[in-house]
Amino acid sequence: MQTFQSSYTKAINIRYDRHGSLFQSHFKAKHVKDEKFYLALATYIHQNPIRSKLVDKAEDWEFSSYQDYIELRRGSLPNKEFLLNKYTINEILEITCNKLDVQHLPDVGHLLF
């Protein structure tokens, strides 16, 4: 991720004749092995535009990989295999769109800041 961010930042800075960081704060990278923890993170990320009141439905946010997971778009950036080998598209839709009680999923709040 750091390599991607660095390359992206350099490209934008060259294109727009600017310098410095594009992002307000640093990102965190965590290796996730546990499937429930992975699902909790994916759900949190996919629900962010809804919580931020940018859209009413997760699939309406074009900048998210969520459209790829539910097959509304065929992007190549996310590696969907891990999640889709564990959960059906309908289960992902149900968890994300219906905002089911996800108390059975691990808390991801400590990773966010």
Protein backbone atom coordinates (compact mmCIF):
# COMPACT_ATOMS: atom_id res chain seq x y z
CA MET A 1 0.00 0.00 0.00
CA GLN A 2 2.80 2.39 0.84
CA THR A 3 4.38 1.86 -2.59
CA PHE A 4 1.03 2.47 -4.28
CA GLN A 5 0.40 5.62 -2.25
CA SER A 6 3.89 6.94 -2.94
CA SER A 7 3.61 6.29 -6.70
CA TYR A 8 0.14 7.81 -6.84
CA THR A 9 1.26 10.90 -4.94
CA LYS A 10 4.27 11.38 -7.23
CA ALA A 11 2.12 11.05 -10.34
CA ILE A 12 -0.45 13.56 -9.13
CA ASN A 13 2.23 16.00 -7.99
CA ILE A 14 3.93 15.87 -11.40
CA ARG A 15 0.68 16.16 -13.30
CA TYR A 16 -0.55 19.17 -11.33
CA ASP A 17 2.86 20.76 -10.68
CA ARG A 18 2.55 20.46 -6.93
CA HIS A 19 4.47 18.85 -4.07
CA GLY A 20 3.75 17.31 -0.70
CA SER A 21 1.34 14.77 0.66
CA LEU A 22 -2.08 14.19 -0.88
CA PHE A 23 -3.54 12.59 2.21
CA GLN A 24 -4.27 14.19 5.56
CA SER A 25 -2.84 11.42 7.68
CA HIS A 26 -0.91 8.20 7.34
CA PHE A 27 -2.67 4.94 6.64
CA LYS A 28 -2.39 1.81 8.73
CA ALA A 29 -1.53 -1.54 7.26
CA LYS A 30 -2.49 -4.72 9.08
CA HIS A 31 -2.17 -8.29 7.91
CA VAL A 32 -5.58 -9.88 8.45
CA LYS A 33 -5.81 -13.66 8.68
CA ASP A 34 -9.04 -14.15 10.61
CA GLU A 35 -12.12 -14.29 8.35
CA LYS A 36 -14.50 -12.68 10.85
CA PHE A 37 -12.08 -9.83 11.42
CA TYR A 38 -11.69 -9.42 7.65
CA LEU A 39 -15.47 -9.31 7.24
CA ALA A 40 -15.73 -6.71 10.01
CA LEU A 41 -13.14 -4.51 8.29
CA ALA A 42 -14.73 -4.88 4.87
CA THR A 43 -18.17 -4.09 6.29
CA TYR A 44 -16.83 -1.05 8.14
CA ILE A 45 -15.14 0.27 4.99
CA HIS A 46 -18.13 -0.39 2.76
CA GLN A 47 -20.49 1.34 5.20
CA ASN A 48 -18.29 4.45 5.58
CA PRO A 49 -19.97 6.45 2.76
CA ILE A 50 -23.37 5.71 4.33
CA ARG A 51 -22.23 6.76 7.82
CA SER A 52 -20.73 9.92 6.31
CA LYS A 53 -24.06 10.64 4.59
CA LEU A 54 -22.45 10.70 1.15
CA VAL A 55 -24.89 8.09 -0.20
CA ASP A 56 -27.93 6.20 1.01
CA LYS A 57 -26.73 2.79 -0.22
CA ALA A 58 -23.20 1.37 -0.29
CA GLU A 59 -23.48 0.37 -3.93
CA ASP A 60 -24.05 4.04 -4.89
CA TRP A 61 -20.51 5.03 -3.81
CA GLU A 62 -18.49 4.61 -7.00
CA PHE A 63 -15.12 4.94 -5.24
CA SER A 64 -15.58 1.77 -3.20
CA SER A 65 -14.71 -1.81 -4.09
CA TYR A 66 -18.16 -2.76 -2.81
CA GLN A 67 -19.55 -2.60 -6.36
CA ASP A 68 -16.96 -5.18 -7.36
CA TYR A 69 -17.85 -7.52 -4.51
CA ILE A 70 -21.54 -7.54 -5.39
CA GLU A 71 -20.81 -7.78 -9.13
CA LEU A 72 -22.15 -4.39 -10.20
CA ARG A 73 -18.70 -3.64 -11.62
CA ARG A 74 -15.82 -5.84 -12.75
CA GLY A 75 -12.84 -3.99 -11.30
CA SER A 76 -9.49 -5.64 -10.89
CA LEU A 77 -8.09 -3.75 -7.90
CA PRO A 78 -9.56 -5.72 -4.99
CA ASN A 79 -8.65 -9.35 -4.49
CA LYS A 80 -12.14 -10.62 -3.79
CA GLU A 81 -11.29 -14.29 -3.42
CA PHE A 82 -10.75 -14.36 0.35
CA LEU A 83 -14.11 -12.79 1.16
CA LEU A 84 -16.08 -14.49 -1.61
CA ASN A 85 -14.68 -17.91 -0.70
CA LYS A 86 -16.13 -17.49 2.79
CA TYR A 87 -19.38 -15.58 2.14
CA THR A 88 -21.91 -15.44 -0.67
CA ILE A 89 -22.71 -12.22 -2.44
CA ASN A 90 -26.13 -12.29 -0.78
CA GLU A 91 -24.53 -12.55 2.66
CA ILE A 92 -22.27 -9.58 1.89
CA LEU A 93 -25.29 -7.60 0.66
CA GLU A 94 -27.27 -8.50 3.76
CA ILE A 95 -24.50 -7.55 6.18
CA THR A 96 -23.60 -4.28 4.44
CA CYS A 97 -26.91 -2.97 3.16
CA ASN A 98 -29.19 -4.00 5.97
CA LYS A 99 -26.69 -3.02 8.64
CA LEU A 100 -27.42 -6.18 10.57
CA ASP A 101 -26.34 -6.43 14.14
CA VAL A 102 -22.68 -7.24 13.71
CA GLN A 103 -21.87 -7.71 17.39
CA HIS A 104 -20.72 -11.22 16.55
CA LEU A 105 -17.93 -9.64 14.48
CA PRO A 106 -14.70 -8.39 16.05
CA ASP A 107 -14.39 -4.71 16.96
CA VAL A 108 -12.23 -2.83 14.45
CA GLY A 109 -12.32 0.58 16.12
CA HIS A 110 -8.83 0.29 17.59
CA LEU A 111 -7.38 0.02 14.08
CA LEU A 112 -8.87 3.22 12.81
CA PHE A 113 -6.87 5.91 14.55
